[in-house]
């Protein structure tokens, strides 16, 4: 099965919804999604940034990394925007 094609904004909004489900990360904001050449695992995007209190951002990044990897395996970002 192929990957789902989404815009940067759609992926950014999706990641923000993921964070909003965890009260610990309510003050963390997802920055723009970065599109890049495909990595070895086939992903063509990554999180550009997370903004919020430093300690919270670190915990958030550790917590959501598995979710990001899963979404990267399912979604391609349209780089023609």
Protein backbone atom coordinates (compact mmCIF):
# COMPACT_ATOMS: atom_id res chain seq x y z
CA UNK A 1 0.00 0.00 0.00
CA UNK A 2 1.30 3.47 -0.91
CA UNK A 3 1.63 6.40 1.40
CA UNK A 4 -1.11 8.98 1.83
CA UNK A 5 -0.27 12.34 0.26
CA UNK A 6 -0.90 15.35 2.51
CA UNK A 7 0.12 18.99 2.58
CA UNK A 8 2.60 20.38 5.09
CA UNK A 9 -0.25 22.19 6.81
CA UNK A 10 -2.30 19.00 7.12
CA UNK A 11 0.61 17.13 8.72
CA UNK A 12 1.35 20.05 11.02
CA UNK A 13 -2.31 20.14 12.14
CA UNK A 14 -2.31 16.36 12.61
CA UNK A 15 0.79 16.55 14.81
CA UNK A 16 -0.79 19.38 16.84
CA UNK A 17 -3.88 17.21 17.39
CA UNK A 18 -1.63 14.37 18.58
CA UNK A 19 -0.05 16.73 21.13
CA UNK A 20 -3.39 18.13 22.25
CA UNK A 21 -4.46 14.66 23.42
CA UNK A 22 -1.84 14.80 26.20
CA UNK A 23 -2.35 17.49 28.85
CA UNK A 24 1.40 17.53 29.61
CA UNK A 25 2.04 19.00 26.15
CA UNK A 26 -0.81 21.52 25.90
CA UNK A 27 1.65 24.44 25.74
CA UNK A 28 3.81 22.89 23.01
CA UNK A 29 3.24 24.14 19.46
CA UNK A 30 4.28 22.31 16.30
CA UNK A 31 6.22 24.45 13.84
CA UNK A 32 6.22 24.09 10.05
CA UNK A 33 6.89 20.64 8.61
CA UNK A 34 10.15 20.32 6.68
CA UNK A 35 10.17 18.47 3.36
CA UNK A 36 13.46 16.88 2.32
CA UNK A 37 14.97 14.16 0.15
CA UNK A 38 13.78 10.72 1.13
CA UNK A 39 15.60 9.09 4.01
CA UNK A 40 16.58 5.42 4.09
CA UNK A 41 13.19 4.56 5.57
CA UNK A 42 11.45 6.40 2.70
CA UNK A 43 10.20 9.41 4.62
CA UNK A 44 10.25 12.80 2.88
CA UNK A 45 9.36 15.00 5.85
CA UNK A 46 10.22 15.75 9.46
CA UNK A 47 9.12 18.04 12.26
CA UNK A 48 10.67 21.43 11.75
CA UNK A 49 10.37 22.59 15.33
CA UNK A 50 8.46 22.38 18.57
CA UNK A 51 7.97 25.52 20.64
CA UNK A 52 7.21 25.79 24.32
CA UNK A 53 8.91 25.49 27.70
CA UNK A 54 12.29 23.78 27.17
CA UNK A 55 11.82 20.86 29.57
CA UNK A 56 8.32 20.23 28.24
CA UNK A 57 9.52 20.29 24.62
CA UNK A 58 12.25 17.74 25.44
CA UNK A 59 9.75 15.39 27.13
CA UNK A 60 7.30 15.92 24.29
CA UNK A 61 9.87 15.09 21.63
CA UNK A 62 10.83 11.90 23.45
CA UNK A 63 7.18 10.95 23.80
CA UNK A 64 6.05 11.63 20.23
CA UNK A 65 9.07 10.28 18.32
CA UNK A 66 7.45 6.83 17.86
CA UNK A 67 4.25 8.50 16.62
CA UNK A 68 6.23 10.67 14.18
CA UNK A 69 8.04 7.62 12.82
CA UNK A 70 4.75 5.78 12.36
CA UNK A 71 3.21 8.74 10.53
CA UNK A 72 6.33 9.11 8.38
CA UNK A 73 5.83 5.51 7.25
CA UNK A 74 2.21 6.26 6.28
CA UNK A 75 2.29 9.82 4.92
CA UNK A 76 4.21 11.64 2.19
CA UNK A 77 4.17 15.43 2.18
CA UNK A 78 3.44 17.08 -1.15
CA UNK A 79 6.61 19.05 -1.88
CA UNK A 80 5.05 20.88 -4.84
CA UNK A 81 3.44 23.54 -2.63
